[in-house]
Amino acid sequence: MTVDYQSREVEARPLSPRQLQLYKYIRRYIERRGVAPTLAEMATHLNVTSSGTVHEYLSALEWKGVIERIPLATRGIVVTGGCPYCGAA
């Protein structure tokens, strides 16, 4: 499945259940350990074998403004402080 992240329609939509699952996992992981999870840890949590799938979810979360990724940084994910799509996530 290919998603056009240039479309504003994607930005206006709430997080999918899998995106929300990953967002909550990242947020809790950072709260508990002080660093973001690795791609492998996220893949294991989501029960997927492809890092490409994790990258797609991360791109969607970044486009929707709930995370920021730091290029070339190991564990380079920052939660932006709020998720208007998540309710009381």
C-alpha atoms as a PDB file:
ATOM      1  CA  MET A   1       0.000   0.000   0.000  1.00  0.00           C
ATOM      2  CA  THR A   2       1.400   3.357  -1.022  1.00  0.00           C
ATOM      3  CA  VAL A   3       0.252   6.489   0.755  1.00  0.00           C
ATOM      4  CA  ASP A   4       0.652   9.956  -0.732  1.00  0.00           C
ATOM      5  CA  TYR A   5       2.071  11.923   2.187  1.00  0.00           C
ATOM      6  CA  GLN A   6       1.969  15.110   0.126  1.00  0.00           C
ATOM      7  CA  SER A   7      -1.825  15.081   0.279  1.00  0.00           C
ATOM      8  CA  ARG A   8      -3.389  17.327   2.920  1.00  0.00           C
ATOM      9  CA  GLU A   9      -6.238  14.828   3.108  1.00  0.00           C
ATOM     10  CA  VAL A  10      -3.912  12.388   4.893  1.00  0.00           C
ATOM     11  CA  GLU A  11      -2.966  15.040   7.439  1.00  0.00           C
ATOM     12  CA  ALA A  12      -6.602  15.732   8.333  1.00  0.00           C
ATOM     13  CA  ARG A  13      -7.412  12.084   9.016  1.00  0.00           C
ATOM     14  CA  PRO A  14      -7.019  10.571  12.473  1.00  0.00           C
ATOM     15  CA  LEU A  15      -4.396   7.947  13.180  1.00  0.00           C
ATOM     16  CA  SER A  16      -5.156   4.450  11.997  1.00  0.00           C
ATOM     17  CA  PRO A  17      -5.336   1.790  14.710  1.00  0.00           C
ATOM     18  CA  ARG A  18      -1.809   0.591  13.825  1.00  0.00           C
ATOM     19  CA  GLN A  19      -0.430   4.141  13.775  1.00  0.00           C
ATOM     20  CA  LEU A  20      -2.010   4.777  17.170  1.00  0.00           C
ATOM     21  CA  GLN A  21      -0.553   1.504  18.482  1.00  0.00           C
ATOM     22  CA  LEU A  22       2.925   2.529  17.322  1.00  0.00           C
ATOM     23  CA  TYR A  23       2.560   6.094  18.631  1.00  0.00           C
ATOM     24  CA  LYS A  24       1.574   4.851  22.099  1.00  0.00           C
ATOM     25  CA  TYR A  25       4.419   2.325  22.090  1.00  0.00           C
ATOM     26  CA  ILE A  26       6.992   4.976  21.151  1.00  0.00           C
ATOM     27  CA  ARG A  27       5.663   7.420  23.752  1.00  0.00           C
ATOM     28  CA  ARG A  28       5.681   4.823  26.562  1.00  0.00           C
ATOM     29  CA  TYR A  29       9.095   3.504  25.532  1.00  0.00           C
ATOM     30  CA  ILE A  30      10.623   6.996  25.676  1.00  0.00           C
ATOM     31  CA  GLU A  31       8.917   7.737  29.020  1.00  0.00           C
ATOM     32  CA  ARG A  32      10.313   4.538  30.562  1.00  0.00           C
ATOM     33  CA  ARG A  33      13.780   4.385  28.997  1.00  0.00           C
ATOM     34  CA  GLY A  34      14.612   7.944  27.978  1.00  0.00           C
ATOM     35  CA  VAL A  35      15.371   6.947  24.373  1.00  0.00           C
ATOM     36  CA  ALA A  36      13.240   5.926  21.406  1.00  0.00           C
ATOM     37  CA  PRO A  37      12.908   2.277  20.379  1.00  0.00           C
ATOM     38  CA  THR A  38      14.904   0.903  17.457  1.00  0.00           C
ATOM     39  CA  LEU A  39      13.248  -0.033  14.176  1.00  0.00           C
ATOM     40  CA  ALA A  40      13.677  -3.698  15.109  1.00  0.00           C
ATOM     41  CA  GLU A  41      11.953  -3.168  18.463  1.00  0.00           C
ATOM     42  CA  MET A  42       9.072  -1.353  16.770  1.00  0.00           C
ATOM     43  CA  ALA A  43       8.755  -4.124  14.172  1.00  0.00           C
ATOM     44  CA  THR A  44       8.670  -6.742  16.928  1.00  0.00           C
ATOM     45  CA  HIS A  45       6.030  -4.798  18.833  1.00  0.00           C
ATOM     46  CA  LEU A  46       3.878  -4.507  15.702  1.00  0.00           C
ATOM     47  CA  ASN A  47       4.563  -8.141  14.806  1.00  0.00           C
ATOM     48  CA  VAL A  48       5.863  -7.253  11.334  1.00  0.00           C
ATOM     49  CA  THR A  49       9.025  -8.475   9.651  1.00  0.00           C
ATOM     50  CA  SER A  50       9.672  -5.549   7.326  1.00  0.00           C
ATOM     51  CA  SER A  51      11.429  -2.392   8.476  1.00  0.00           C
ATOM     52  CA  GLY A  52       9.791  -0.758   5.446  1.00  0.00           C
ATOM     53  CA  THR A  53       6.409  -1.200   7.094  1.00  0.00           C
ATOM     54  CA  VAL A  54       7.708   0.542  10.216  1.00  0.00           C
ATOM     55  CA  HIS A  55       9.106   3.354   8.041  1.00  0.00           C
ATOM     56  CA  GLU A  56       5.662   3.829   6.446  1.00  0.00           C
ATOM     57  CA  TYR A  57       4.008   4.138   9.851  1.00  0.00           C
ATOM     58  CA  LEU A  58       6.706   6.534  11.058  1.00  0.00           C
ATOM     59  CA  SER A  59       6.320   8.688   7.932  1.00  0.00           C
ATOM     60  CA  ALA A  60       2.577   8.916   8.544  1.00  0.00           C
ATOM     61  CA  LEU A  61       3.083   9.820  12.211  1.00  0.00           C
ATOM     62  CA  GLU A  62       5.631  12.458  11.259  1.00  0.00           C
ATOM     63  CA  TRP A  63       3.373  13.924   8.550  1.00  0.00           C
ATOM     64  CA  LYS A  64       0.501  14.104  11.023  1.00  0.00           C
ATOM     65  CA  GLY A  65       2.774  16.010  13.400  1.00  0.00           C
ATOM     66  CA  VAL A  66       2.790  13.641  16.378  1.00  0.00           C
ATOM     67  CA  ILE A  67       6.487  12.727  16.107  1.00  0.00           C
ATOM     68  CA  GLU A  68       9.643  14.229  14.663  1.00  0.00           C
ATOM     69  CA  ARG A  69      12.503  12.193  13.272  1.00  0.00           C
ATOM     70  CA  ILE A  70      16.094  13.317  13.554  1.00  0.00           C
ATOM     71  CA  PRO A  71      17.901  12.382  10.326  1.00  0.00           C
ATOM     72  CA  LEU A  72      20.887  10.028  10.655  1.00  0.00           C
ATOM     73  CA  ALA A  73      20.432   9.701  14.424  1.00  0.00           C
ATOM     74  CA  THR A  74      20.198   6.320  16.074  1.00  0.00           C
ATOM     75  CA  ARG A  75      16.868   6.179  17.913  1.00  0.00           C
ATOM     76  CA  GLY A  76      16.164   9.620  16.453  1.00  0.00           C
ATOM     77  CA  ILE A  77      12.467   9.980  17.235  1.00  0.00           C
ATOM     78  CA  VAL A  78      10.941  12.719  19.370  1.00  0.00           C
ATOM     79  CA  VAL A  79       7.294  12.808  20.468  1.00  0.00           C
ATOM     80  CA  THR A  80       6.064  16.333  19.743  1.00  0.00           C
ATOM     81  CA  GLY A  81       4.094  16.682  22.940  1.00  0.00           C
ATOM     82  CA  GLY A  82       0.545  16.142  21.840  1.00  0.00           C
ATOM     83  CA  CYS A  83      -1.600  13.997  19.664  1.00  0.00           C
ATOM     84  CA  PRO A  84      -4.846  15.712  18.695  1.00  0.00           C
ATOM     85  CA  TYR A  85      -5.869  12.482  16.929  1.00  0.00           C
ATOM     86  CA  CYS A  86      -5.423  10.273  19.957  1.00  0.00           C
ATOM     87  CA  GLY A  87      -8.029  11.474  22.419  1.00  0.00           C
ATOM     88  CA  ALA A  88      -6.672  10.639  25.852  1.00  0.00           C
ATOM     89  CA  ALA A  89      -3.926   8.418  24.445  1.00  0.00           C
END
